Amino acid sequence: MRATLYIIYRVSEDRKAHWQQIYATRKCTEVSWFQPVPERSLGLIRATGTPPGSAILDVGGGASTLVDHLLEDGFDDVSVLDIAAAAFDQPRSRLGAKAEKVTWIESDITAFEPPHSYAIWHDRAVFHFLTETSDQDRYLDVLHKALLPGGHLILATFGPKGPLRCSGLEIQRYSVERLQDVLGPGFQLRHHEIDEHQTPTGSGQQFLYAWFDLAN
């Protein structure tokens, strides 16, 4: 299953075109969500104690450097999903031959058909773009299909004092209580924290990071 690109055609073309344009015209270091080292995500992934041979899905991973660090940590079953194929150009170039160890998946997450189950589902800043209840419901349906029982959900969204818009789009802000309510009783909260992310232009964005376990 390595170095395979899954093309899922049932996508929102408007959403896809929006993100294709962003990734085709900006370097990864220029987008507001860029992190040289995704310390919060890495810390939570490491805290799960998940063995390196386990499958990890990075939802909306795009050009993020998370995949670089996961490979350095010895994870050898990493999948990166993004709606925009252009998002993969920068990390594949950056990783060189190591990119062949990664499964690159082009798909709208609300239409994703998981080829297998994952021990960790990581999402930093996709879920908060889903402002319609119908899209949130489809996301959660895919999440339940993809995550192993007892698996870990690491989800980062804009926090209660985060921005109302990002990359030209409206977003949904979350408190941990609201996030728990949306996810439902099947997910057990293990940890949450607020982070003040500094964008490349020096402005601050409040993020909520949360780690949940899916009930067995």
N, C-alpha and C. Protein backbone atom coordinates (compact mmCIF):
# COMPACT_ATOMS: atom_id res chain seq x y z
N MET A 1 0.83 -1.20 0.00
CA MET A 1 0.00 0.00 0.00
C MET A 1 0.87 1.26 0.00
N ARG A 2 2.17 1.15 -0.17
CA ARG A 2 3.05 2.29 -0.10
C ARG A 2 3.05 3.08 -1.41
N ALA A 3 3.31 4.38 -1.28
CA ALA A 3 3.47 5.27 -2.42
C ALA A 3 2.30 5.17 -3.37
N THR A 4 1.09 4.98 -2.85
CA THR A 4 -0.11 4.86 -3.66
C THR A 4 -0.95 6.10 -3.50
N LEU A 5 -1.48 6.61 -4.59
CA LEU A 5 -2.34 7.78 -4.56
C LEU A 5 -3.76 7.32 -4.82
N TYR A 6 -4.61 7.44 -3.81
CA TYR A 6 -6.01 7.08 -3.96
C TYR A 6 -6.78 8.30 -4.44
N ILE A 7 -7.40 8.19 -5.60
CA ILE A 7 -8.17 9.29 -6.15
C ILE A 7 -9.64 9.01 -5.88
N ILE A 8 -10.27 9.88 -5.10
CA ILE A 8 -11.69 9.75 -4.79
C ILE A 8 -12.40 10.89 -5.50
N TYR A 9 -13.29 10.55 -6.41
CA TYR A 9 -13.85 11.56 -7.29
C TYR A 9 -15.06 12.28 -6.71
N ARG A 10 -15.69 11.71 -5.69
CA ARG A 10 -16.87 12.35 -5.12
C ARG A 10 -16.42 13.44 -4.14
N VAL A 11 -16.04 14.59 -4.70
CA VAL A 11 -15.53 15.69 -3.89
C VAL A 11 -16.29 16.97 -4.21
N SER A 12 -16.18 17.93 -3.33
CA SER A 12 -16.68 19.26 -3.59
C SER A 12 -15.69 19.96 -4.52
N GLU A 13 -16.10 20.21 -5.75
CA GLU A 13 -15.18 20.81 -6.71
C GLU A 13 -14.81 22.24 -6.30
N ASP A 14 -15.74 22.97 -5.71
CA ASP A 14 -15.42 24.33 -5.26
C ASP A 14 -14.36 24.29 -4.17
N ARG A 15 -14.52 23.38 -3.22
CA ARG A 15 -13.56 23.25 -2.13
C ARG A 15 -12.20 22.84 -2.68
N LYS A 16 -12.21 21.90 -3.59
CA LYS A 16 -10.97 21.42 -4.17
C LYS A 16 -10.25 22.54 -4.92
N ALA A 17 -10.98 23.29 -5.73
CA ALA A 17 -10.37 24.36 -6.52
C ALA A 17 -9.77 25.43 -5.61
N HIS A 18 -10.45 25.72 -4.52
CA HIS A 18 -9.95 26.73 -3.58
C HIS A 18 -8.58 26.33 -3.04
N TRP A 19 -8.44 25.08 -2.57
CA TRP A 19 -7.19 24.65 -1.97
C TRP A 19 -6.12 24.36 -3.01
N GLN A 20 -6.51 23.94 -4.21
CA GLN A 20 -5.54 23.77 -5.29
C GLN A 20 -4.86 25.11 -5.59
N GLN A 21 -5.67 26.17 -5.63
CA GLN A 21 -5.14 27.50 -5.92
C GLN A 21 -4.15 27.94 -4.85
N ILE A 22 -4.49 27.70 -3.59
CA ILE A 22 -3.60 28.11 -2.50
C ILE A 22 -2.27 27.38 -2.58
N TYR A 23 -2.30 26.06 -2.74
CA TYR A 23 -1.06 25.31 -2.74
C TYR A 23 -0.26 25.50 -4.03
N ALA A 24 -0.94 25.87 -5.10
CA ALA A 24 -0.22 26.09 -6.36
C ALA A 24 0.47 27.44 -6.40
N THR A 25 0.06 28.36 -5.52
CA THR A 25 0.59 29.72 -5.59
C THR A 25 1.39 30.13 -4.35
N ARG A 26 1.41 29.30 -3.31
CA ARG A 26 2.13 29.67 -2.09
C ARG A 26 3.07 28.55 -1.67
N LYS A 27 4.21 28.93 -1.13
CA LYS A 27 5.10 27.97 -0.50
C LYS A 27 4.49 27.56 0.84
N CYS A 28 4.87 26.38 1.32
CA CYS A 28 4.31 25.91 2.58
C CYS A 28 4.68 26.83 3.73
N THR A 29 5.81 27.54 3.62
CA THR A 29 6.25 28.44 4.67
C THR A 29 5.47 29.75 4.67
N GLU A 30 4.62 29.96 3.67
CA GLU A 30 3.88 31.22 3.55
C GLU A 30 2.44 31.11 4.02
N VAL A 31 1.93 29.90 4.21
CA VAL A 31 0.54 29.75 4.64
C VAL A 31 0.45 29.97 6.14
N SER A 32 -0.72 30.43 6.60
CA SER A 32 -0.85 30.88 7.99
C SER A 32 -0.66 29.75 9.00
N TRP A 33 -0.93 28.51 8.58
CA TRP A 33 -0.86 27.39 9.52
C TRP A 33 0.50 26.71 9.57
N PHE A 34 1.48 27.25 8.86
CA PHE A 34 2.81 26.61 8.79
C PHE A 34 3.45 26.51 10.17
N GLN A 35 4.06 25.35 10.45
CA GLN A 35 4.86 25.12 11.64
C GLN A 35 6.17 24.45 11.22
N PRO A 36 7.33 25.03 11.53
CA PRO A 36 8.59 24.34 11.20
C PRO A 36 8.66 22.96 11.85
N VAL A 37 8.23 22.89 13.11
CA VAL A 37 8.14 21.63 13.84
C VAL A 37 6.76 21.59 14.51
N PRO A 38 5.90 20.66 14.15
CA PRO A 38 4.56 20.58 14.75
C PRO A 38 4.62 19.94 16.14
N GLU A 39 5.13 20.70 17.10
CA GLU A 39 5.47 20.15 18.40
C GLU A 39 4.26 19.59 19.15
N ARG A 40 3.13 20.31 19.11
CA ARG A 40 1.95 19.84 19.85
C ARG A 40 1.46 18.51 19.28
N SER A 41 1.36 18.43 17.97
CA SER A 41 0.89 17.19 17.34
C SER A 41 1.84 16.04 17.64
N LEU A 42 3.13 16.28 17.48
CA LEU A 42 4.11 15.24 17.74
C LEU A 42 4.07 14.78 19.19
N GLY A 43 3.94 15.74 20.11
CA GLY A 43 3.89 15.38 21.52
C GLY A 43 2.70 14.48 21.85
N LEU A 44 1.54 14.79 21.28
CA LEU A 44 0.36 13.98 21.53
C LEU A 44 0.46 12.60 20.88
N ILE A 45 0.99 12.56 19.65
CA ILE A 45 1.17 11.27 18.98
C ILE A 45 2.12 10.39 19.78
N ARG A 46 3.21 10.96 20.25
CA ARG A 46 4.18 10.19 21.03
C ARG A 46 3.57 9.74 22.36
N ALA A 47 2.72 10.59 22.93
CA ALA A 47 2.11 10.27 24.23
C ALA A 47 1.16 9.07 24.14
N THR A 48 0.64 8.79 22.95
CA THR A 48 -0.27 7.64 22.82
C THR A 48 0.46 6.32 23.02
N GLY A 49 1.78 6.30 22.84
CA GLY A 49 2.53 5.06 22.96
C GLY A 49 2.29 4.10 21.81
N THR A 50 1.79 4.61 20.71
CA THR A 50 1.48 3.76 19.56
C THR A 50 2.77 3.21 18.93
N PRO A 51 2.85 1.91 18.71
CA PRO A 51 4.07 1.32 18.11
C PRO A 51 4.34 1.88 16.72
N PRO A 52 5.62 2.01 16.34
CA PRO A 52 5.97 2.61 15.05
C PRO A 52 5.41 1.89 13.83
N GLY A 53 5.08 0.61 13.95
CA GLY A 53 4.53 -0.11 12.81
C GLY A 53 3.05 0.13 12.58
N SER A 54 2.42 0.93 13.43
CA SER A 54 0.99 1.17 13.34
C SER A 54 0.67 2.18 12.24
N ALA A 55 -0.55 2.08 11.71
CA ALA A 55 -0.97 2.96 10.63
C ALA A 55 -1.45 4.30 11.18
N ILE A 56 -0.96 5.39 10.57
CA ILE A 56 -1.35 6.74 10.94
C ILE A 56 -1.91 7.45 9.70
N LEU A 57 -3.02 8.16 9.88
CA LEU A 57 -3.59 8.98 8.82
C LEU A 57 -3.51 10.45 9.24
N ASP A 58 -2.85 11.27 8.43
CA ASP A 58 -2.77 12.71 8.66
C ASP A 58 -3.75 13.39 7.73
N VAL A 59 -4.89 13.81 8.26
CA VAL A 59 -5.98 14.39 7.47
C VAL A 59 -5.68 15.86 7.19
N GLY A 60 -5.71 16.23 5.93
CA GLY A 60 -5.38 17.60 5.55
C GLY A 60 -3.90 17.89 5.73
N GLY A 61 -3.08 16.86 5.67
CA GLY A 61 -1.64 17.00 5.92
C GLY A 61 -0.95 17.89 4.92
N GLY A 62 -1.41 17.85 3.68
CA GLY A 62 -0.87 18.74 2.66
C GLY A 62 0.64 18.83 2.67
N ALA A 63 1.14 20.04 2.85
CA ALA A 63 2.58 20.28 2.84
C ALA A 63 3.18 20.31 4.24
N SER A 64 2.43 19.87 5.24
CA SER A 64 2.90 19.89 6.63
C SER A 64 4.20 19.09 6.79
N THR A 65 5.00 19.52 7.75
CA THR A 65 6.24 18.80 8.06
C THR A 65 6.02 17.64 9.02
N LEU A 66 4.78 17.40 9.44
CA LEU A 66 4.52 16.30 10.38
C LEU A 66 5.03 14.97 9.84
N VAL A 67 4.79 14.72 8.56
CA VAL A 67 5.19 13.44 7.98
C VAL A 67 6.70 13.25 8.08
N ASP A 68 7.47 14.31 7.91
CA ASP A 68 8.94 14.21 8.02
C ASP A 68 9.33 13.67 9.39
N HIS A 69 8.71 14.22 10.43
CA HIS A 69 9.07 13.85 11.79
C HIS A 69 8.55 12.46 12.16
N LEU A 70 7.39 12.08 11.62
CA LEU A 70 6.89 10.73 11.87
C LEU A 70 7.83 9.69 11.27
N LEU A 71 8.34 9.96 10.08
CA LEU A 71 9.30 9.03 9.47
C LEU A 71 10.58 8.97 10.31
N GLU A 72 11.02 10.11 10.81
CA GLU A 72 12.21 10.14 11.67
C GLU A 72 11.99 9.35 12.95
N ASP A 73 10.74 9.34 13.44
CA ASP A 73 10.40 8.59 14.65
C ASP A 73 10.26 7.09 14.40
N GLY A 74 10.37 6.68 13.14
CA GLY A 74 10.31 5.26 12.82
C GLY A 74 8.96 4.75 12.36
N PHE A 75 7.98 5.63 12.25
CA PHE A 75 6.68 5.20 11.73
C PHE A 75 6.83 4.88 10.24
N ASP A 76 6.39 3.69 9.85
CA ASP A 76 6.58 3.27 8.47
C ASP A 76 5.27 2.95 7.75
N ASP A 77 4.14 3.36 8.34
CA ASP A 77 2.84 3.19 7.69
C ASP A 77 2.06 4.49 7.85
N VAL A 78 2.56 5.53 7.18
CA VAL A 78 1.99 6.87 7.28
C VAL A 78 1.25 7.22 6.00
N SER A 79 0.02 7.68 6.12
CA SER A 79 -0.77 8.15 4.99
C SER A 79 -1.07 9.63 5.19
N VAL A 80 -0.91 10.41 4.14
CA VAL A 80 -1.22 11.84 4.17
C VAL A 80 -2.35 12.10 3.19
N LEU A 81 -3.44 12.66 3.70
CA LEU A 81 -4.62 12.93 2.87
C LEU A 81 -4.81 14.42 2.72
N ASP A 82 -5.12 14.84 1.49
CA ASP A 82 -5.46 16.23 1.25
C ASP A 82 -6.37 16.31 0.03
N ILE A 83 -7.25 17.30 0.02
CA ILE A 83 -8.16 17.47 -1.10
C ILE A 83 -7.45 17.98 -2.35
N ALA A 84 -6.30 18.64 -2.16
CA ALA A 84 -5.56 19.26 -3.25
C ALA A 84 -4.30 18.49 -3.57
N ALA A 85 -4.22 17.94 -4.76
CA ALA A 85 -3.02 17.19 -5.16
C ALA A 85 -1.79 18.09 -5.15
N ALA A 86 -1.97 19.39 -5.42
CA ALA A 86 -0.84 20.32 -5.43
C ALA A 86 -0.17 20.41 -4.06
N ALA A 87 -0.90 20.06 -3.01
CA ALA A 87 -0.35 20.11 -1.66
C ALA A 87 0.80 19.13 -1.48
N PHE A 88 0.82 18.06 -2.27
CA PHE A 88 1.83 17.02 -2.09
C PHE A 88 3.15 17.35 -2.76
N ASP A 89 3.17 18.31 -3.67
CA ASP A 89 4.38 18.59 -4.44
C ASP A 89 5.54 18.97 -3.53
N GLN A 90 5.28 19.85 -2.57
CA GLN A 90 6.37 20.33 -1.71
C GLN A 90 6.91 19.26 -0.78
N PRO A 91 6.07 18.51 -0.06
CA PRO A 91 6.64 17.48 0.82
C PRO A 91 7.32 16.36 0.05
N ARG A 92 6.80 16.00 -1.11
CA ARG A 92 7.44 14.92 -1.88
C ARG A 92 8.81 15.36 -2.37
N SER A 93 8.92 16.62 -2.77
CA SER A 93 10.23 17.15 -3.16
C SER A 93 11.16 17.24 -1.97
N ARG A 94 10.63 17.67 -0.84
CA ARG A 94 11.42 17.83 0.38
C ARG A 94 11.95 16.49 0.90
N LEU A 95 11.10 15.47 0.83
CA LEU A 95 11.46 14.16 1.38
C LEU A 95 12.35 13.35 0.45
N GLY A 96 12.32 13.64 -0.84
CA GLY A 96 13.12 12.87 -1.78
C GLY A 96 12.70 11.41 -1.81
N ALA A 97 13.67 10.50 -1.70
CA ALA A 97 13.38 9.06 -1.77
C ALA A 97 12.48 8.61 -0.63
N LYS A 98 12.50 9.31 0.50
CA LYS A 98 11.66 8.93 1.64
C LYS A 98 10.18 9.06 1.32
N ALA A 99 9.84 9.87 0.32
CA ALA A 99 8.43 10.05 -0.05
C ALA A 99 7.80 8.75 -0.51
N GLU A 100 8.63 7.82 -0.98
CA GLU A 100 8.10 6.53 -1.42
C GLU A 100 7.61 5.67 -0.27
N LYS A 101 7.96 6.06 0.95
CA LYS A 101 7.49 5.32 2.14
C LYS A 101 6.10 5.76 2.58
N VAL A 102 5.60 6.83 1.97
CA VAL A 102 4.34 7.45 2.39
C VAL A 102 3.24 7.14 1.38
N THR A 103 2.02 6.94 1.88
CA THR A 103 0.86 6.81 1.01
C THR A 103 0.21 8.18 0.90
N TRP A 104 0.14 8.70 -0.32
CA TRP A 104 -0.41 10.03 -0.57
C TRP A 104 -1.83 9.87 -1.11
N ILE A 105 -2.79 10.46 -0.44
CA ILE A 105 -4.20 10.25 -0.78
C ILE A 105 -4.85 11.58 -1.15
N GLU A 106 -5.32 11.69 -2.38
CA GLU A 106 -6.04 12.88 -2.81
C GLU A 106 -7.54 12.63 -2.63
N SER A 107 -8.15 13.33 -1.67
CA SER A 107 -9.57 13.12 -1.42
C SER A 107 -10.13 14.22 -0.55
N ASP A 108 -11.38 14.54 -0.76
CA ASP A 108 -12.16 15.31 0.21
C ASP A 108 -12.43 14.35 1.37
N ILE A 109 -12.14 14.76 2.59
CA ILE A 109 -12.28 13.85 3.73
C ILE A 109 -13.73 13.39 3.89
N THR A 110 -14.69 14.20 3.48
CA THR A 110 -16.09 13.80 3.63
C THR A 110 -16.51 12.74 2.63
N ALA A 111 -15.65 12.45 1.65
CA ALA A 111 -15.94 11.42 0.66
C ALA A 111 -14.93 10.29 0.68
N PHE A 112 -14.01 10.31 1.63
CA PHE A 112 -12.93 9.33 1.69
C PHE A 112 -13.49 7.94 1.99
N GLU A 113 -12.95 6.95 1.29
CA GLU A 113 -13.31 5.56 1.52
C GLU A 113 -12.07 4.84 2.04
N PRO A 114 -11.94 4.67 3.34
CA PRO A 114 -10.71 4.13 3.93
C PRO A 114 -10.38 2.74 3.38
N PRO A 115 -9.16 2.55 2.87
CA PRO A 115 -8.76 1.24 2.38
C PRO A 115 -8.47 0.25 3.49
N HIS A 116 -8.21 0.76 4.69
CA HIS A 116 -7.96 -0.07 5.87
C HIS A 116 -8.15 0.80 7.10
N SER A 117 -7.93 0.25 8.28
CA SER A 117 -8.11 0.99 9.52
C SER A 117 -6.80 1.60 10.01
N TYR A 118 -6.94 2.63 10.84
CA TYR A 118 -5.78 3.37 11.34
C TYR A 118 -5.77 3.38 12.86
N ALA A 119 -4.57 3.35 13.43
CA ALA A 119 -4.42 3.43 14.88
C ALA A 119 -4.49 4.87 15.37
N ILE A 120 -4.09 5.81 14.51
CA ILE A 120 -4.13 7.23 14.85
C ILE A 120 -4.74 8.00 13.67
N TRP A 121 -5.70 8.83 13.99
CA TRP A 121 -6.26 9.80 13.03
C TRP A 121 -5.84 11.18 13.53
N HIS A 122 -5.03 11.88 12.76
CA HIS A 122 -4.55 13.21 13.14
C HIS A 122 -5.14 14.24 12.17
N ASP A 123 -5.69 15.29 12.73
CA ASP A 123 -6.27 16.37 11.93
C ASP A 123 -5.95 17.69 12.61
N ARG A 124 -5.10 18.47 11.98
CA ARG A 124 -4.87 19.83 12.46
C ARG A 124 -5.45 20.80 11.44
N ALA A 125 -6.66 21.30 11.75
CA ALA A 125 -7.24 22.40 11.00
C ALA A 125 -7.99 22.02 9.73
N VAL A 126 -8.58 20.82 9.67
CA VAL A 126 -9.55 20.52 8.62
C VAL A 126 -10.97 20.61 9.17
N PHE A 127 -11.19 20.00 10.31
CA PHE A 127 -12.56 19.88 10.83
C PHE A 127 -13.21 21.25 11.03
N HIS A 128 -12.43 22.24 11.43
CA HIS A 128 -13.07 23.54 11.69
C HIS A 128 -13.51 24.26 10.41
N PHE A 129 -13.08 23.79 9.24
CA PHE A 129 -13.58 24.34 7.98
C PHE A 129 -14.95 23.77 7.59
N LEU A 130 -15.37 22.71 8.25
CA LEU A 130 -16.65 22.08 7.94
C LEU A 130 -17.73 22.75 8.79
N THR A 131 -18.36 23.77 8.25
CA THR A 131 -19.32 24.57 9.00
C THR A 131 -20.74 24.06 8.85
N GLU A 132 -20.99 23.21 7.87
CA GLU A 132 -22.33 22.64 7.67
C GLU A 132 -22.45 21.33 8.46
N THR A 133 -23.60 21.16 9.12
CA THR A 133 -23.82 19.94 9.90
C THR A 133 -23.70 18.69 9.04
N SER A 134 -24.17 18.75 7.79
CA SER A 134 -24.11 17.59 6.91
C SER A 134 -22.67 17.18 6.64
N ASP A 135 -21.76 18.15 6.46
CA ASP A 135 -20.35 17.83 6.24
C ASP A 135 -19.72 17.28 7.51
N GLN A 136 -20.07 17.84 8.65
CA GLN A 136 -19.56 17.32 9.92
C GLN A 136 -20.01 15.88 10.13
N ASP A 137 -21.25 15.58 9.80
CA ASP A 137 -21.76 14.22 9.96
C ASP A 137 -21.02 13.24 9.05
N ARG A 138 -20.75 13.66 7.82
CA ARG A 138 -20.02 12.77 6.90
C ARG A 138 -18.59 12.55 7.39
N TYR A 139 -17.97 13.61 7.89
CA TYR A 139 -16.62 13.49 8.46
C TYR A 139 -16.61 12.45 9.58
N LEU A 140 -17.57 12.56 10.49
CA LEU A 140 -17.62 11.64 11.63
C LEU A 140 -17.92 10.22 11.18
N ASP A 141 -18.70 10.06 10.14
CA ASP A 141 -18.98 8.72 9.62
C ASP A 141 -17.70 8.08 9.08
N VAL A 142 -16.92 8.86 8.33
CA VAL A 142 -15.64 8.35 7.81
C VAL A 142 -14.69 8.05 8.96
N LEU A 143 -14.66 8.93 9.95
CA LEU A 143 -13.80 8.73 11.12
C LEU A 143 -14.10 7.41 11.82
N HIS A 144 -15.36 7.13 12.04
CA HIS A 144 -15.74 5.88 12.71
C HIS A 144 -15.37 4.66 11.87
N LYS A 145 -15.46 4.77 10.55
CA LYS A 145 -15.10 3.66 9.67
C LYS A 145 -13.59 3.43 9.65
N ALA A 146 -12.83 4.51 9.79
CA ALA A 146 -11.38 4.43 9.58
C ALA A 146 -10.59 4.13 10.83
N LEU A 147 -11.07 4.57 12.00
CA LEU A 147 -10.28 4.46 13.22
C LEU A 147 -10.51 3.12 13.91
N LEU A 148 -9.44 2.45 14.26
CA LEU A 148 -9.54 1.19 14.97
C LEU A 148 -10.20 1.38 16.34
N PRO A 149 -10.97 0.41 16.81
CA PRO A 149 -11.45 0.46 18.19
C PRO A 149 -10.27 0.60 19.15
N GLY A 150 -10.37 1.53 20.07
CA GLY A 150 -9.24 1.81 20.96
C GLY A 150 -8.21 2.72 20.34
N GLY A 151 -8.44 3.14 19.08
CA GLY A 151 -7.52 4.02 18.39
C GLY A 151 -7.59 5.45 18.91
N HIS A 152 -6.68 6.28 18.44
CA HIS A 152 -6.51 7.63 18.97
C HIS A 152 -6.90 8.68 17.92
N LEU A 153 -7.70 9.63 18.35
CA LEU A 153 -8.05 10.79 17.54
C LEU A 153 -7.32 12.00 18.11
N ILE A 154 -6.49 12.63 17.31
CA ILE A 154 -5.80 13.86 17.70
C ILE A 154 -6.32 14.95 16.78
N LEU A 155 -7.08 15.87 17.37
CA LEU A 155 -7.82 16.84 16.59
C LEU A 155 -7.49 18.25 17.08
N ALA A 156 -7.08 19.10 16.16
CA ALA A 156 -6.80 20.50 16.47
C ALA A 156 -7.71 21.39 15.64
N THR A 157 -8.41 22.29 16.32
CA THR A 157 -9.29 23.24 15.67
C THR A 157 -8.99 24.64 16.22
N PHE A 158 -9.56 25.65 15.59
CA PHE A 158 -9.49 26.97 16.20
C PHE A 158 -10.27 26.94 17.51
N GLY A 159 -9.68 27.54 18.54
CA GLY A 159 -10.28 27.54 19.86
C GLY A 159 -11.37 28.59 19.99
N PRO A 160 -11.92 28.74 21.22
CA PRO A 160 -13.02 29.67 21.45
C PRO A 160 -12.71 31.12 21.09
N LYS A 161 -11.42 31.50 21.16
CA LYS A 161 -11.02 32.85 20.81
C LYS A 161 -10.22 32.89 19.52
N GLY A 162 -10.33 31.86 18.70
CA GLY A 162 -9.64 31.81 17.43
C GLY A 162 -10.31 32.71 16.40
N PRO A 163 -9.72 32.83 15.22
CA PRO A 163 -10.30 33.67 14.17
C PRO A 163 -11.62 33.10 13.67
N LEU A 164 -12.41 33.95 13.03
CA LEU A 164 -13.69 33.52 12.45
C LEU A 164 -13.56 33.12 10.99
N ARG A 165 -12.44 33.52 10.39
CA ARG A 165 -12.17 33.16 8.99
C ARG A 165 -10.71 32.77 8.84
N CYS A 166 -10.45 31.93 7.85
CA CYS A 166 -9.07 31.53 7.55
C CYS A 166 -8.98 31.20 6.07
N SER A 167 -7.96 31.67 5.41
CA SER A 167 -7.75 31.41 3.99
C SER A 167 -8.98 31.77 3.15
N GLY A 168 -9.66 32.84 3.56
CA GLY A 168 -10.82 33.30 2.80
C GLY A 168 -12.10 32.56 3.07
N LEU A 169 -12.10 31.64 4.04
CA LEU A 169 -13.27 30.82 4.33
C LEU A 169 -13.73 31.01 5.76
N GLU A 170 -15.03 30.89 5.99
CA GLU A 170 -15.55 30.89 7.34
C GLU A 170 -15.18 29.58 8.02
N ILE A 171 -15.01 29.64 9.33
CA ILE A 171 -14.67 28.44 10.10
C ILE A 171 -15.61 28.32 11.30
N GLN A 172 -15.50 27.18 11.98
CA GLN A 172 -16.25 26.94 13.21
C GLN A 172 -15.26 26.87 14.36
N ARG A 173 -15.41 27.74 15.34
CA ARG A 173 -14.56 27.69 16.53
C ARG A 173 -15.11 26.66 17.52
N TYR A 174 -14.21 26.06 18.32
CA TYR A 174 -14.62 25.03 19.26
C TYR A 174 -14.02 25.24 20.64
N SER A 175 -14.85 25.04 21.65
CA SER A 175 -14.37 24.77 23.00
C SER A 175 -14.25 23.26 23.12
N VAL A 176 -13.56 22.76 24.14
CA VAL A 176 -13.44 21.32 24.28
C VAL A 176 -14.80 20.70 24.57
N GLU A 177 -15.67 21.43 25.28
CA GLU A 177 -17.00 20.91 25.57
C GLU A 177 -17.82 20.76 24.30
N ARG A 178 -17.74 21.76 23.43
CA ARG A 178 -18.49 21.67 22.17
C ARG A 178 -17.94 20.55 21.30
N LEU A 179 -16.63 20.41 21.29
CA LEU A 179 -16.01 19.36 20.48
C LEU A 179 -16.45 17.98 20.98
N GLN A 180 -16.47 17.78 22.29
CA GLN A 180 -16.94 16.52 22.85
C GLN A 180 -18.38 16.25 22.47
N ASP A 181 -19.19 17.29 22.49
CA ASP A 181 -20.61 17.14 22.16
C ASP A 181 -20.79 16.72 20.71
N VAL A 182 -20.01 17.31 19.82
CA VAL A 182 -20.11 16.97 18.39
C VAL A 182 -19.63 15.55 18.14
N LEU A 183 -18.54 15.15 18.78
CA LEU A 183 -17.99 13.81 18.56
C LEU A 183 -18.88 12.72 19.13
N GLY A 184 -19.54 13.00 20.23
CA GLY A 184 -20.44 12.02 20.82
C GLY A 184 -19.76 11.14 21.85
N PRO A 185 -20.55 10.29 22.52
CA PRO A 185 -20.05 9.51 23.66
C PRO A 185 -19.06 8.41 23.29
N GLY A 186 -18.91 8.08 22.01
CA GLY A 186 -17.97 7.04 21.62
C GLY A 186 -16.51 7.42 21.80
N PHE A 187 -16.26 8.73 21.99
CA PHE A 187 -14.89 9.21 22.13
C PHE A 187 -14.63 9.68 23.55
N GLN A 188 -13.58 9.15 24.15
CA GLN A 188 -13.19 9.49 25.52
C GLN A 188 -12.04 10.50 25.49
N LEU A 189 -12.25 11.67 26.10
CA LEU A 189 -11.22 12.70 26.13
C LEU A 189 -10.07 12.27 27.04
N ARG A 190 -8.86 12.30 26.51
CA ARG A 190 -7.67 11.99 27.29
C ARG A 190 -6.91 13.25 27.71
N HIS A 191 -6.89 14.25 26.83
CA HIS A 191 -6.10 15.44 27.12
C HIS A 191 -6.55 16.55 26.18
N HIS A 192 -6.48 17.79 26.66
CA HIS A 192 -6.70 18.93 25.78
C HIS A 192 -5.87 20.11 26.26
N GLU A 193 -5.54 21.00 25.35
CA GLU A 193 -4.75 22.16 25.68
C GLU A 193 -4.98 23.25 24.64
N ILE A 194 -4.79 24.51 25.07
CA ILE A 194 -4.89 25.66 24.19
C ILE A 194 -3.49 26.08 23.77
N ASP A 195 -3.35 26.39 22.49
CA ASP A 195 -2.05 26.82 21.96
C ASP A 195 -2.24 28.11 21.18
N GLU A 196 -1.33 29.03 21.36
CA GLU A 196 -1.33 30.28 20.59
C GLU A 196 -0.34 30.13 19.45
N HIS A 197 -0.88 29.83 18.28
CA HIS A 197 -0.03 29.62 17.10
C HIS A 197 0.38 30.96 16.51
N GLN A 198 1.68 31.10 16.21
CA GLN A 198 2.19 32.29 15.55
C GLN A 198 2.31 32.03 14.06
N THR A 199 1.60 32.80 13.27
CA THR A 199 1.64 32.64 11.82
C THR A 199 2.96 33.20 11.28
N PRO A 200 3.31 32.87 10.03
CA PRO A 200 4.54 33.41 9.44
C PRO A 200 4.60 34.94 9.41
N THR A 201 3.42 35.60 9.44
CA THR A 201 3.40 37.06 9.44
C THR A 201 3.44 37.64 10.85
N GLY A 202 3.46 36.77 11.88
CA GLY A 202 3.60 37.24 13.25
C GLY A 202 2.31 37.43 14.01
N SER A 203 1.16 37.16 13.41
CA SER A 203 -0.11 37.28 14.13
C SER A 203 -0.38 35.99 14.90
N GLY A 204 -1.27 36.08 15.91
CA GLY A 204 -1.59 34.92 16.73
C GLY A 204 -2.92 34.30 16.36
N GLN A 205 -2.99 32.99 16.47
CA GLN A 205 -4.23 32.24 16.25
C GLN A 205 -4.38 31.24 17.39
N GLN A 206 -5.52 31.28 18.07
CA GLN A 206 -5.74 30.34 19.17
C GLN A 206 -6.23 29.00 18.63
N PHE A 207 -5.53 27.92 18.99
CA PHE A 207 -5.91 26.57 18.62
C PHE A 207 -6.27 25.77 19.86
N LEU A 208 -7.21 24.89 19.71
CA LEU A 208 -7.53 23.87 20.71
C LEU A 208 -7.00 22.54 20.20
N TYR A 209 -6.14 21.89 20.98
CA TYR A 209 -5.66 20.54 20.67
C TYR A 209 -6.35 19.57 21.62
N ALA A 210 -6.88 18.48 21.07
CA ALA A 210 -7.56 17.49 21.91
C ALA A 210 -7.19 16.08 21.47
N TRP A 211 -7.02 15.21 22.45
CA TRP A 211 -6.70 13.79 22.21
C TRP A 211 -7.84 12.96 22.79
N PHE A 212 -8.43 12.16 21.92
CA PHE A 212 -9.52 11.27 22.31
C PHE A 212 -9.17 9.83 21.97
N ASP A 213 -9.72 8.89 22.73
CA ASP A 213 -9.67 7.49 22.39
C ASP A 213 -11.04 7.05 21.92
N LEU A 214 -11.09 6.20 20.89
CA LEU A 214 -12.34 5.63 20.43
C LEU A 214 -12.63 4.38 21.26
N ALA A 215 -13.83 4.30 21.79
CA ALA A 215 -14.20 3.17 22.64
C ALA A 215 -14.07 1.86 21.89
N ASN A 216 -13.67 0.82 22.60
CA ASN A 216 -13.57 -0.52 22.01
C ASN A 216 -14.97 -1.09 21.75
